[in-house]
Amino acid sequence: MDSNLRPYAEYALKVARFYGISPTVTSVYRGWALQQQLRDRWLAGLSRWPANKPGDSAHNFGWAFDSVVEPEDQANWDAIRRWVGWEVLPNDEIHAQLPEWRSYRTSAFQTNKR
């Protein structure tokens, strides 16, 4: 995960644990090949969770994380992550991402080329 965002993810986990919620982080940074595999699985109907194409996922830049909680804790976990500042998509509640991350993508491509 991007070193600037990691403290915010860790803080969300800490707040959740304080309230008795035990998130398990299942995915953070993903390379493009893994992103394509996940997208292929989703398009084939083999995954419940959507996956964007490589380069159109905040995971490819270290700007997102996926996590799971017990179903009865999901609404509170969503609220905690949003309160900390993450964007949680309504159709992909395991996923939390940097809001407006696409606006940073161009500069990330330029930085990665150096």
PDB file of N, CA and C in Angstrom:
ATOM      1  N   MET A   1       0.851  -1.176   0.000  1.00  0.00           N
ATOM      2  CA  MET A   1       0.000   0.000   0.000  1.00  0.00           C
ATOM      3  C   MET A   1       0.895   1.236   0.000  1.00  0.00           C
ATOM      4  N   ASP A   2       0.428   2.253  -0.652  1.00  0.00           N
ATOM      5  CA  ASP A   2       1.142   3.524  -0.671  1.00  0.00           C
ATOM      6  C   ASP A   2       1.454   3.942   0.768  1.00  0.00           C
ATOM      7  N   SER A   3       2.697   4.318   1.010  1.00  0.00           N
ATOM      8  CA  SER A   3       3.128   4.637   2.380  1.00  0.00           C
ATOM      9  C   SER A   3       2.382   5.835   2.970  1.00  0.00           C
ATOM     10  N   ASN A   4       1.849   6.710   2.142  1.00  0.00           N
ATOM     11  CA  ASN A   4       1.073   7.850   2.647  1.00  0.00           C
ATOM     12  C   ASN A   4      -0.333   7.445   3.087  1.00  0.00           C
ATOM     13  N   LEU A   5      -0.838   6.338   2.538  1.00  0.00           N
ATOM     14  CA  LEU A   5      -2.199   5.899   2.854  1.00  0.00           C
ATOM     15  C   LEU A   5      -2.245   4.826   3.931  1.00  0.00           C
ATOM     16  N   ARG A   6      -1.158   4.111   4.085  1.00  0.00           N
ATOM     17  CA  ARG A   6      -1.145   3.000   5.044  1.00  0.00           C
ATOM     18  C   ARG A   6      -1.603   3.414   6.449  1.00  0.00           C
ATOM     19  N   PRO A   7      -1.163   4.559   6.990  1.00  0.00           N
ATOM     20  CA  PRO A   7      -1.637   4.925   8.334  1.00  0.00           C
ATOM     21  C   PRO A   7      -3.161   5.060   8.430  1.00  0.00           C
ATOM     22  N   TYR A   8      -3.802   5.462   7.342  1.00  0.00           N
ATOM     23  CA  TYR A   8      -5.261   5.606   7.356  1.00  0.00           C
ATOM     24  C   TYR A   8      -5.961   4.242   7.340  1.00  0.00           C
ATOM     25  N   ALA A   9      -5.384   3.306   6.635  1.00  0.00           N
ATOM     26  CA  ALA A   9      -5.925   1.946   6.653  1.00  0.00           C
ATOM     27  C   ALA A   9      -5.727   1.330   8.031  1.00  0.00           C
ATOM     28  N   GLU A  10      -4.535   1.521   8.594  1.00  0.00           N
ATOM     29  CA  GLU A  10      -4.252   0.974   9.918  1.00  0.00           C
ATOM     30  C   GLU A  10      -5.154   1.608  10.981  1.00  0.00           C
ATOM     31  N   TYR A  11      -5.423   2.897  10.839  1.00  0.00           N
ATOM     32  CA  TYR A  11      -6.300   3.566  11.795  1.00  0.00           C
ATOM     33  C   TYR A  11      -7.726   3.015  11.703  1.00  0.00           C
ATOM     34  N   ALA A  12      -8.210   2.798  10.491  1.00  0.00           N
ATOM     35  CA  ALA A  12      -9.549   2.218  10.331  1.00  0.00           C
ATOM     36  C   ALA A  12      -9.614   0.848  11.002  1.00  0.00           C
ATOM     37  N   LEU A  13      -8.578   0.043  10.830  1.00  0.00           N
ATOM     38  CA  LEU A  13      -8.539  -1.277  11.468  1.00  0.00           C
ATOM     39  C   LEU A  13      -8.524  -1.148  12.996  1.00  0.00           C
ATOM     40  N   LYS A  14      -7.767  -0.194  13.498  1.00  0.00           N
ATOM     41  CA  LYS A  14      -7.674   0.023  14.942  1.00  0.00           C
ATOM     42  C   LYS A  14      -9.027   0.447  15.522  1.00  0.00           C
ATOM     43  N   VAL A  15      -9.719   1.370  14.841  1.00  0.00           N
ATOM     44  CA  VAL A  15     -11.043   1.809  15.294  1.00  0.00           C
ATOM     45  C   VAL A  15     -12.013   0.628  15.277  1.00  0.00           C
ATOM     46  N   ALA A  16     -11.978  -0.147  14.208  1.00  0.00           N
ATOM     47  CA  ALA A  16     -12.871  -1.303  14.110  1.00  0.00           C
ATOM     48  C   ALA A  16     -12.639  -2.263  15.273  1.00  0.00           C
ATOM     49  N   ARG A  17     -11.390  -2.556  15.539  1.00  0.00           N
ATOM     50  CA  ARG A  17     -11.082  -3.490  16.636  1.00  0.00           C
ATOM     51  C   ARG A  17     -11.537  -2.936  17.981  1.00  0.00           C
ATOM     52  N   PHE A  18     -11.422  -1.624  18.162  1.00  0.00           N
ATOM     53  CA  PHE A  18     -11.903  -0.999  19.392  1.00  0.00           C
ATOM     54  C   PHE A  18     -13.391  -1.296  19.602  1.00  0.00           C
ATOM     55  N   TYR A  19     -14.144  -1.312  18.514  1.00  0.00           N
ATOM     56  CA  TYR A  19     -15.578  -1.577  18.584  1.00  0.00           C
ATOM     57  C   TYR A  19     -15.931  -3.056  18.430  1.00  0.00           C
ATOM     58  N   GLY A  20     -14.942  -3.919  18.510  1.00  0.00           N
ATOM     59  CA  GLY A  20     -15.204  -5.354  18.475  1.00  0.00           C
ATOM     60  C   GLY A  20     -15.396  -5.933  17.092  1.00  0.00           C
ATOM     61  N   ILE A  21     -14.998  -5.199  16.075  1.00  0.00           N
ATOM     62  CA  ILE A  21     -15.082  -5.675  14.690  1.00  0.00           C
ATOM     63  C   ILE A  21     -13.701  -6.165  14.290  1.00  0.00           C
ATOM     64  N   SER A  22     -13.641  -7.322  13.653  1.00  0.00           N
ATOM     65  CA  SER A  22     -12.349  -7.929  13.304  1.00  0.00           C
ATOM     66  C   SER A  22     -12.191  -8.066  11.789  1.00  0.00           C
ATOM     67  N   PRO A  23     -11.825  -6.983  11.108  1.00  0.00           N
ATOM     68  CA  PRO A  23     -11.618  -7.085   9.663  1.00  0.00           C
ATOM     69  C   PRO A  23     -10.391  -7.932   9.334  1.00  0.00           C
ATOM     70  N   THR A  24     -10.485  -8.631   8.231  1.00  0.00           N
ATOM     71  CA  THR A  24      -9.343  -9.349   7.674  1.00  0.00           C
ATOM     72  C   THR A  24      -9.037  -8.715   6.323  1.00  0.00           C
ATOM     73  N   VAL A  25      -7.844  -8.156   6.180  1.00  0.00           N
ATOM     74  CA  VAL A  25      -7.440  -7.565   4.908  1.00  0.00           C
ATOM     75  C   VAL A  25      -7.076  -8.705   3.962  1.00  0.00           C
ATOM     76  N   THR A  26      -7.693  -8.697   2.791  1.00  0.00           N
ATOM     77  CA  THR A  26      -7.500  -9.793   1.839  1.00  0.00           C
ATOM     78  C   THR A  26      -6.686  -9.399   0.615  1.00  0.00           C
ATOM     79  N   SER A  27      -6.572  -8.102   0.342  1.00  0.00           N
ATOM     80  CA  SER A  27      -5.844  -7.663  -0.845  1.00  0.00           C
ATOM     81  C   SER A  27      -5.490  -6.190  -0.695  1.00  0.00           C
ATOM     82  N   VAL A  28      -4.288  -5.847  -1.139  1.00  0.00           N
ATOM     83  CA  VAL A  28      -3.881  -4.441  -1.135  1.00  0.00           C
ATOM     84  C   VAL A  28      -3.356  -4.137  -2.538  1.00  0.00           C
ATOM     85  N   TYR A  29      -2.044  -4.019  -2.699  1.00  0.00           N
ATOM     86  CA  TYR A  29      -1.477  -3.753  -4.025  1.00  0.00           C
ATOM     87  C   TYR A  29      -1.654  -4.987  -4.901  1.00  0.00           C
ATOM     88  N   ARG A  30      -1.984  -4.751  -6.168  1.00  0.00           N
ATOM     89  CA  ARG A  30      -2.063  -5.835  -7.156  1.00  0.00           C
ATOM     90  C   ARG A  30      -1.316  -5.419  -8.407  1.00  0.00           C
ATOM     91  N   GLY A  31      -0.529  -6.337  -8.930  1.00  0.00           N
ATOM     92  CA  GLY A  31       0.074  -6.120 -10.238  1.00  0.00           C
ATOM     93  C   GLY A  31      -0.980  -6.252 -11.321  1.00  0.00           C
ATOM     94  N   TRP A  32      -0.623  -5.853 -12.511  1.00  0.00           N
ATOM     95  CA  TRP A  32      -1.593  -5.852 -13.613  1.00  0.00           C
ATOM     96  C   TRP A  32      -2.031  -7.254 -13.996  1.00  0.00           C
ATOM     97  N   ALA A  33      -1.125  -8.218 -13.930  1.00  0.00           N
ATOM     98  CA  ALA A  33      -1.488  -9.598 -14.304  1.00  0.00           C
ATOM     99  C   ALA A  33      -2.539 -10.149 -13.345  1.00  0.00           C
ATOM    100  N   LEU A  34      -2.349  -9.963 -12.055  1.00  0.00           N
ATOM    101  CA  LEU A  34      -3.336 -10.431 -11.090  1.00  0.00           C
ATOM    102  C   LEU A  34      -4.655  -9.689 -11.270  1.00  0.00           C
ATOM    103  N   GLN A  35      -4.586  -8.398 -11.550  1.00  0.00           N
ATOM    104  CA  GLN A  35      -5.813  -7.631 -11.772  1.00  0.00           C
ATOM    105  C   GLN A  35      -6.581  -8.204 -12.962  1.00  0.00           C
ATOM    106  N   GLN A  36      -5.869  -8.574 -14.019  1.00  0.00           N
ATOM    107  CA  GLN A  36      -6.530  -9.161 -15.192  1.00  0.00           C
ATOM    108  C   GLN A  36      -7.148 -10.513 -14.849  1.00  0.00           C
ATOM    109  N   GLN A  37      -6.461 -11.318 -14.054  1.00  0.00           N
ATOM    110  CA  GLN A  37      -7.020 -12.616 -13.639  1.00  0.00           C
ATOM    111  C   GLN A  37      -8.318 -12.429 -12.863  1.00  0.00           C
ATOM    112  N   LEU A  38      -8.305 -11.482 -11.933  1.00  0.00           N
ATOM    113  CA  LEU A  38      -9.508 -11.224 -11.144  1.00  0.00           C
ATOM    114  C   LEU A  38     -10.646 -10.696 -12.018  1.00  0.00           C
ATOM    115  N   ARG A  39     -10.305  -9.849 -12.976  1.00  0.00           N
ATOM    116  CA  ARG A  39     -11.327  -9.340 -13.892  1.00  0.00           C
ATOM    117  C   ARG A  39     -11.905 -10.464 -14.746  1.00  0.00           C
ATOM    118  N   ASP A  40     -11.042 -11.330 -15.244  1.00  0.00           N
ATOM    119  CA  ASP A  40     -11.509 -12.462 -16.047  1.00  0.00           C
ATOM    120  C   ASP A  40     -12.461 -13.351 -15.237  1.00  0.00           C
ATOM    121  N   ARG A  41     -12.125 -13.605 -13.980  1.00  0.00           N
ATOM    122  CA  ARG A  41     -12.998 -14.412 -13.116  1.00  0.00           C
ATOM    123  C   ARG A  41     -14.353 -13.734 -12.914  1.00  0.00           C
ATOM    124  N   TRP A  42     -14.311 -12.427 -12.691  1.00  0.00           N
ATOM    125  CA  TRP A  42     -15.559 -11.697 -12.482  1.00  0.00           C
ATOM    126  C   TRP A  42     -16.420 -11.714 -13.747  1.00  0.00           C
ATOM    127  N   LEU A  43     -15.804 -11.449 -14.895  1.00  0.00           N
ATOM    128  CA  LEU A  43     -16.545 -11.446 -16.161  1.00  0.00           C
ATOM    129  C   LEU A  43     -17.121 -12.823 -16.484  1.00  0.00           C
ATOM    130  N   ALA A  44     -16.442 -13.875 -16.034  1.00  0.00           N
ATOM    131  CA  ALA A  44     -16.920 -15.243 -16.269  1.00  0.00           C
ATOM    132  C   ALA A  44     -17.978 -15.667 -15.259  1.00  0.00           C
ATOM    133  N   GLY A  45     -18.299 -14.780 -14.321  1.00  0.00           N
ATOM    134  CA  GLY A  45     -19.307 -15.105 -13.318  1.00  0.00           C
ATOM    135  C   GLY A  45     -18.774 -15.972 -12.185  1.00  0.00           C
ATOM    136  N   LEU A  46     -17.451 -16.031 -12.035  1.00  0.00           N
ATOM    137  CA  LEU A  46     -16.846 -16.875 -11.015  1.00  0.00           C
ATOM    138  C   LEU A  46     -16.516 -16.112  -9.734  1.00  0.00           C
ATOM    139  N   SER A  47     -16.784 -14.831  -9.723  1.00  0.00           N
ATOM    140  CA  SER A  47     -16.520 -14.015  -8.542  1.00  0.00           C
ATOM    141  C   SER A  47     -17.696 -13.082  -8.295  1.00  0.00           C
ATOM    142  N   ARG A  48     -18.056 -12.941  -7.056  1.00  0.00           N
ATOM    143  CA  ARG A  48     -19.139 -12.034  -6.675  1.00  0.00           C
ATOM    144  C   ARG A  48     -18.700 -10.579  -6.772  1.00  0.00           C
ATOM    145  N   TRP A  49     -17.387 -10.354  -6.618  1.00  0.00           N
ATOM    146  CA  TRP A  49     -16.874  -8.998  -6.518  1.00  0.00           C
ATOM    147  C   TRP A  49     -16.378  -8.473  -7.850  1.00  0.00           C
ATOM    148  N   PRO A  50     -16.784  -7.255  -8.211  1.00  0.00           N
ATOM    149  CA  PRO A  50     -16.323  -6.692  -9.486  1.00  0.00           C
ATOM    150  C   PRO A  50     -14.827  -6.422  -9.471  1.00  0.00           C
ATOM    151  N   ALA A  51     -14.236  -6.460 -10.630  1.00  0.00           N
ATOM    152  CA  ALA A  51     -12.807  -6.151 -10.769  1.00  0.00           C
ATOM    153  C   ALA A  51     -12.627  -5.338 -12.043  1.00  0.00           C
ATOM    154  N   ASN A  52     -12.045  -4.178 -11.903  1.00  0.00           N
ATOM    155  CA  ASN A  52     -11.782  -3.319 -13.054  1.00  0.00           C
ATOM    156  C   ASN A  52     -10.630  -3.870 -13.870  1.00  0.00           C
ATOM    157  N   LYS A  53     -10.500  -3.363 -15.086  1.00  0.00           N
ATOM    158  CA  LYS A  53      -9.391  -3.781 -15.929  1.00  0.00           C
ATOM    159  C   LYS A  53      -8.082  -3.218 -15.369  1.00  0.00           C
ATOM    160  N   PRO A  54      -6.964  -3.849 -15.681  1.00  0.00           N
ATOM    161  CA  PRO A  54      -5.673  -3.357 -15.202  1.00  0.00           C
ATOM    162  C   PRO A  54      -5.470  -1.892 -15.596  1.00  0.00           C
ATOM    163  N   GLY A  55      -4.951  -1.130 -14.664  1.00  0.00           N
ATOM    164  CA  GLY A  55      -4.738   0.295 -14.877  1.00  0.00           C
ATOM    165  C   GLY A  55      -5.945   1.134 -14.511  1.00  0.00           C
ATOM    166  N   ASP A  56      -7.106   0.485 -14.351  1.00  0.00           N
ATOM    167  CA  ASP A  56      -8.316   1.188 -13.937  1.00  0.00           C
ATOM    168  C   ASP A  56      -8.773   0.677 -12.569  1.00  0.00           C
ATOM    169  N   SER A  57      -7.798   0.254 -11.764  1.00  0.00           N
ATOM    170  CA  SER A  57      -8.064  -0.198 -10.413  1.00  0.00           C
ATOM    171  C   SER A  57      -7.124   0.536  -9.467  1.00  0.00           C
ATOM    172  N   ALA A  58      -7.667   1.062  -8.395  1.00  0.00           N
ATOM    173  CA  ALA A  58      -6.835   1.736  -7.401  1.00  0.00           C
ATOM    174  C   ALA A  58      -5.828   0.776  -6.775  1.00  0.00           C
ATOM    175  N   HIS A  59      -6.129  -0.526  -6.828  1.00  0.00           N
ATOM    176  CA  HIS A  59      -5.185  -1.527  -6.310  1.00  0.00           C
ATOM    177  C   HIS A  59      -3.861  -1.486  -7.075  1.00  0.00           C
ATOM    178  N   ASN A  60      -3.905  -1.194  -8.356  1.00  0.00           N
ATOM    179  CA  ASN A  60      -2.690  -1.186  -9.177  1.00  0.00           C
ATOM    180  C   ASN A  60      -1.705  -0.101  -8.774  1.00  0.00           C
ATOM    181  N   PHE A  61      -2.159   0.841  -7.967  1.00  0.00           N
ATOM    182  CA  PHE A  61      -1.308   1.946  -7.538  1.00  0.00           C
ATOM    183  C   PHE A  61      -1.071   1.940  -6.024  1.00  0.00           C
ATOM    184  N   GLY A  62      -1.609   0.934  -5.344  1.00  0.00           N
ATOM    185  CA  GLY A  62      -1.475   0.872  -3.895  1.00  0.00           C
ATOM    186  C   GLY A  62      -2.417   1.816  -3.177  1.00  0.00           C
ATOM    187  N   TRP A  63      -3.522   2.168  -3.816  1.00  0.00           N
ATOM    188  CA  TRP A  63      -4.448   3.155  -3.281  1.00  0.00           C
ATOM    189  C   TRP A  63      -5.778   2.537  -2.847  1.00  0.00           C
ATOM    190  N   ALA A  64      -5.782   1.228  -2.590  1.00  0.00           N
ATOM    191  CA  ALA A  64      -7.014   0.553  -2.181  1.00  0.00           C
ATOM    192  C   ALA A  64      -6.661  -0.673  -1.357  1.00  0.00           C
ATOM    193  N   PHE A  65      -7.653  -1.122  -0.602  1.00  0.00           N
ATOM    194  CA  PHE A  65      -7.509  -2.408   0.076  1.00  0.00           C
ATOM    195  C   PHE A  65      -8.872  -3.074   0.155  1.00  0.00           C
ATOM    196  N   ASP A  66      -8.852  -4.388   0.141  1.00  0.00           N
ATOM    197  CA  ASP A  66     -10.059  -5.187   0.310  1.00  0.00           C
ATOM    198  C   ASP A  66     -10.003  -5.839   1.680  1.00  0.00           C
ATOM    199  N   SER A  67     -11.154  -5.993   2.280  1.00  0.00           N
ATOM    200  CA  SER A  67     -11.232  -6.624   3.594  1.00  0.00           C
ATOM    201  C   SER A  67     -12.607  -7.242   3.775  1.00  0.00           C
ATOM    202  N   VAL A  68     -12.654  -8.220   4.648  1.00  0.00           N
ATOM    203  CA  VAL A  68     -13.922  -8.880   4.952  1.00  0.00           C
ATOM    204  C   VAL A  68     -14.163  -8.823   6.454  1.00  0.00           C
ATOM    205  N   VAL A  69     -15.436  -8.786   6.807  1.00  0.00           N
ATOM    206  CA  VAL A  69     -15.878  -8.831   8.200  1.00  0.00           C
ATOM    207  C   VAL A  69     -17.096  -9.742   8.268  1.00  0.00           C
ATOM    208  N   GLU A  70     -17.508 -10.056   9.468  1.00  0.00           N
ATOM    209  CA  GLU A  70     -18.742 -10.821   9.641  1.00  0.00           C
ATOM    210  C   GLU A  70     -19.898 -10.004   9.056  1.00  0.00           C
ATOM    211  N   PRO A  71     -20.871 -10.665   8.437  1.00  0.00           N
ATOM    212  CA  PRO A  71     -21.974  -9.933   7.800  1.00  0.00           C
ATOM    213  C   PRO A  71     -22.663  -8.918   8.720  1.00  0.00           C
ATOM    214  N   GLU A  72     -22.816  -9.257   9.984  1.00  0.00           N
ATOM    215  CA  GLU A  72     -23.492  -8.337  10.910  1.00  0.00           C
ATOM    216  C   GLU A  72     -22.655  -7.090  11.220  1.00  0.00           C
ATOM    217  N   ASP A  73     -21.361  -7.123  10.886  1.00  0.00           N
ATOM    218  CA  ASP A  73     -20.477  -5.979  11.117  1.00  0.00           C
ATOM    219  C   ASP A  73     -20.264  -5.109   9.879  1.00  0.00           C
ATOM    220  N   GLN A  74     -20.781  -5.533   8.733  1.00  0.00           N
ATOM    221  CA  GLN A  74     -20.467  -4.856   7.475  1.00  0.00           C
ATOM    222  C   GLN A  74     -20.852  -3.378   7.477  1.00  0.00           C
ATOM    223  N   ALA A  75     -22.051  -3.050   7.901  1.00  0.00           N
ATOM    224  CA  ALA A  75     -22.493  -1.643   7.870  1.00  0.00           C
ATOM    225  C   ALA A  75     -21.603  -0.769   8.748  1.00  0.00           C
ATOM    226  N   ASN A  76     -21.236  -1.273   9.916  1.00  0.00           N
ATOM    227  CA  ASN A  76     -20.364  -0.491  10.792  1.00  0.00           C
ATOM    228  C   ASN A  76     -18.956  -0.368  10.219  1.00  0.00           C
ATOM    229  N   TRP A  77     -18.453  -1.429   9.606  1.00  0.00           N
ATOM    230  CA  TRP A  77     -17.124  -1.386   8.978  1.00  0.00           C
ATOM    231  C   TRP A  77     -17.131  -0.390   7.825  1.00  0.00           C
ATOM    232  N   ASP A  78     -18.190  -0.391   7.024  1.00  0.00           N
ATOM    233  CA  ASP A  78     -18.308   0.594   5.948  1.00  0.00           C
ATOM    234  C   ASP A  78     -18.267   2.009   6.523  1.00  0.00           C
ATOM    235  N   ALA A  79     -19.021   2.235   7.597  1.00  0.00           N
ATOM    236  CA  ALA A  79     -19.084   3.568   8.207  1.00  0.00           C
ATOM    237  C   ALA A  79     -17.727   3.986   8.764  1.00  0.00           C
ATOM    238  N   ILE A  80     -17.005   3.078   9.376  1.00  0.00           N
ATOM    239  CA  ILE A  80     -15.683   3.396   9.922  1.00  0.00           C
ATOM    240  C   ILE A  80     -14.732   3.793   8.800  1.00  0.00           C
ATOM    241  N   ARG A  81     -14.703   2.996   7.741  1.00  0.00           N
ATOM    242  CA  ARG A  81     -13.786   3.322   6.643  1.00  0.00           C
ATOM    243  C   ARG A  81     -14.140   4.668   6.020  1.00  0.00           C
ATOM    244  N   ARG A  82     -15.408   4.933   5.831  1.00  0.00           N
ATOM    245  CA  ARG A  82     -15.811   6.241   5.282  1.00  0.00           C
ATOM    246  C   ARG A  82     -15.436   7.365   6.236  1.00  0.00           C
ATOM    247  N   TRP A  83     -15.654   7.158   7.522  1.00  0.00           N
ATOM    248  CA  TRP A  83     -15.324   8.175   8.516  1.00  0.00           C
ATOM    249  C   TRP A  83     -13.828   8.503   8.500  1.00  0.00           C
ATOM    250  N   VAL A  84     -12.993   7.487   8.313  1.00  0.00           N
ATOM    251  CA  VAL A  84     -11.543   7.693   8.247  1.00  0.00           C
ATOM    252  C   VAL A  84     -11.158   8.410   6.952  1.00  0.00           C
ATOM    253  N   GLY A  85     -11.985   8.295   5.914  1.00  0.00           N
ATOM    254  CA  GLY A  85     -11.710   9.018   4.673  1.00  0.00           C
ATOM    255  C   GLY A  85     -11.661   8.167   3.422  1.00  0.00           C
ATOM    256  N   TRP A  86     -11.887   6.870   3.556  1.00  0.00           N
ATOM    257  CA  TRP A  86     -11.892   5.984   2.391  1.00  0.00           C
ATOM    258  C   TRP A  86     -13.228   6.061   1.665  1.00  0.00           C
ATOM    259  N   GLU A  87     -13.190   5.784   0.383  1.00  0.00           N
ATOM    260  CA  GLU A  87     -14.418   5.631  -0.398  1.00  0.00           C
ATOM    261  C   GLU A  87     -14.764   4.147  -0.415  1.00  0.00           C
ATOM    262  N   VAL A  88     -15.990   3.835  -0.044  1.00  0.00           N
ATOM    263  CA  VAL A  88     -16.489   2.458  -0.061  1.00  0.00           C
ATOM    264  C   VAL A  88     -17.640   2.423  -1.052  1.00  0.00           C
ATOM    265  N   LEU A  89     -17.495   1.623  -2.086  1.00  0.00           N
ATOM    266  CA  LEU A  89     -18.497   1.578  -3.149  1.00  0.00           C
ATOM    267  C   LEU A  89     -19.685   0.709  -2.745  1.00  0.00           C
ATOM    268  N   PRO A  90     -20.894   1.124  -3.060  1.00  0.00           N
ATOM    269  CA  PRO A  90     -22.070   0.377  -2.625  1.00  0.00           C
ATOM    270  C   PRO A  90     -22.172  -1.024  -3.235  1.00  0.00           C
ATOM    271  N   ASN A  91     -21.594  -1.248  -4.398  1.00  0.00           N
ATOM    272  CA  ASN A  91     -21.685  -2.566  -5.036  1.00  0.00           C
ATOM    273  C   ASN A  91     -20.443  -3.419  -4.781  1.00  0.00           C
ATOM    274  N   ASP A  92     -19.547  -2.930  -3.908  1.00  0.00           N
ATOM    275  CA  ASP A  92     -18.277  -3.630  -3.686  1.00  0.00           C
ATOM    276  C   ASP A  92     -17.796  -3.333  -2.270  1.00  0.00           C
ATOM    277  N   GLU A  93     -18.571  -3.792  -1.274  1.00  0.00           N
ATOM    278  CA  GLU A  93     -18.295  -3.384   0.101  1.00  0.00           C
ATOM    279  C   GLU A  93     -17.001  -3.934   0.685  1.00  0.00           C
ATOM    280  N   ILE A  94     -16.382  -4.902   0.041  1.00  0.00           N
ATOM    281  CA  ILE A  94     -15.085  -5.356   0.553  1.00  0.00           C
ATOM    282  C   ILE A  94     -13.977  -4.362   0.208  1.00  0.00           C
ATOM    283  N   HIS A  95     -14.236  -3.496  -0.744  1.00  0.00           N
ATOM    284  CA  HIS A  95     -13.237  -2.595  -1.326  1.00  0.00           C
ATOM    285  C   HIS A  95     -13.300  -1.202  -0.696  1.00  0.00           C
ATOM    286  N   ALA A  96     -12.138  -0.662  -0.362  1.00  0.00           N
ATOM    287  CA  ALA A  96     -12.025   0.735   0.087  1.00  0.00           C
ATOM    288  C   ALA A  96     -10.901   1.368  -0.712  1.00  0.00           C
ATOM    289  N   GLN A  97     -11.132   2.576  -1.213  1.00  0.00           N
ATOM    290  CA  GLN A  97     -10.127   3.204  -2.074  1.00  0.00           C
ATOM    291  C   GLN A  97      -9.978   4.683  -1.751  1.00  0.00           C
ATOM    292  N   LEU A  98      -8.858   5.227  -2.180  1.00  0.00           N
ATOM    293  CA  LEU A  98      -8.615   6.660  -2.080  1.00  0.00           C
ATOM    294  C   LEU A  98      -9.677   7.370  -2.907  1.00  0.00           C
ATOM    295  N   PRO A  99     -10.447   8.282  -2.305  1.00  0.00           N
ATOM    296  CA  PRO A  99     -11.440   9.009  -3.103  1.00  0.00           C
ATOM    297  C   PRO A  99     -10.773   9.780  -4.241  1.00  0.00           C
ATOM    298  N   GLU A 100     -11.447   9.814  -5.355  1.00  0.00           N
ATOM    299  CA  GLU A 100     -10.958  10.565  -6.528  1.00  0.00           C
ATOM    300  C   GLU A 100      -9.572  10.115  -6.978  1.00  0.00           C
ATOM    301  N   TRP A 101      -9.265   8.844  -6.781  1.00  0.00           N
ATOM    302  CA  TRP A 101      -7.921   8.357  -7.098  1.00  0.00           C
ATOM    303  C   TRP A 101      -7.569   8.502  -8.571  1.00  0.00           C
ATOM    304  N   ARG A 102      -8.545   8.469  -9.442  1.00  0.00           N
ATOM    305  CA  ARG A 102      -8.247   8.574 -10.874  1.00  0.00           C
ATOM    306  C   ARG A 102      -7.602   9.914 -11.238  1.00  0.00           C
ATOM    307  N   SER A 103      -7.881  10.945 -10.450  1.00  0.00           N
ATOM    308  CA  SER A 103      -7.274  12.250 -10.731  1.00  0.00           C
ATOM    309  C   SER A 103      -5.772  12.235 -10.445  1.00  0.00           C
ATOM    310  N   TYR A 104      -5.300  11.267  -9.673  1.00  0.00           N
ATOM    311  CA  TYR A 104      -3.869  11.146  -9.362  1.00  0.00           C
ATOM    312  C   TYR A 104      -3.156  10.175 -10.300  1.00  0.00           C
ATOM    313  N   ARG A 105      -3.912   9.433 -11.071  1.00  0.00           N
ATOM    314  CA  ARG A 105      -3.352   8.344 -11.883  1.00  0.00           C
ATOM    315  C   ARG A 105      -2.322   8.841 -12.886  1.00  0.00           C
ATOM    316  N   THR A 106      -2.554   9.955 -13.542  1.00  0.00           N
ATOM    317  CA  THR A 106      -1.622  10.462 -14.549  1.00  0.00           C
ATOM    318  C   THR A 106      -0.264  10.745 -13.928  1.00  0.00           C
ATOM    319  N   SER A 107      -0.251  11.397 -12.780  1.00  0.00           N
ATOM    320  CA  SER A 107       1.034  11.678 -12.141  1.00  0.00           C
ATOM    321  C   SER A 107       1.699  10.393 -11.670  1.00  0.00           C
ATOM    322  N   ALA A 108       0.925   9.393 -11.279  1.00  0.00           N
ATOM    323  CA  ALA A 108       1.506   8.113 -10.866  1.00  0.00           C
ATOM    324  C   ALA A 108       2.169   7.427 -12.055  1.00  0.00           C
ATOM    325  N   PHE A 109       1.536   7.473 -13.223  1.00  0.00           N
ATOM    326  CA  PHE A 109       2.159   6.889 -14.422  1.00  0.00           C
ATOM    327  C   PHE A 109       3.474   7.586 -14.714  1.00  0.00           C
ATOM    328  N   GLN A 110       3.495   8.905 -14.610  1.00  0.00           N
ATOM    329  CA  GLN A 110       4.709   9.653 -14.889  1.00  0.00           C
ATOM    330  C   GLN A 110       5.807   9.320 -13.879  1.00  0.00           C
ATOM    331  N   THR A 111       5.442   9.189 -12.602  1.00  0.00           N
ATOM    332  CA  THR A 111       6.412   8.851 -11.568  1.00  0.00           C
ATOM    333  C   THR A 111       6.966   7.447 -11.781  1.00  0.00           C
ATOM    334  N   ASN A 112       6.105   6.504 -12.171  1.00  0.00           N
ATOM    335  CA  ASN A 112       6.551   5.123 -12.360  1.00  0.00           C
ATOM    336  C   ASN A 112       7.458   4.964 -13.574  1.00  0.00           C
ATOM    337  N   LYS A 113       7.441   5.904 -14.488  1.00  0.00           N
ATOM    338  CA  LYS A 113       8.287   5.816 -15.687  1.00  0.00           C
ATOM    339  C   LYS A 113       9.711   6.240 -15.399  1.00  0.00           C
ATOM    340  N   ARG A 114       9.953   6.891 -14.280  1.00  0.00           N
ATOM    341  CA  ARG A 114      11.303   7.389 -13.971  1.00  0.00           C
ATOM    342  C   ARG A 114      12.208   6.290 -13.509  1.00  0.00           C
TER     343      ARG A 114
END
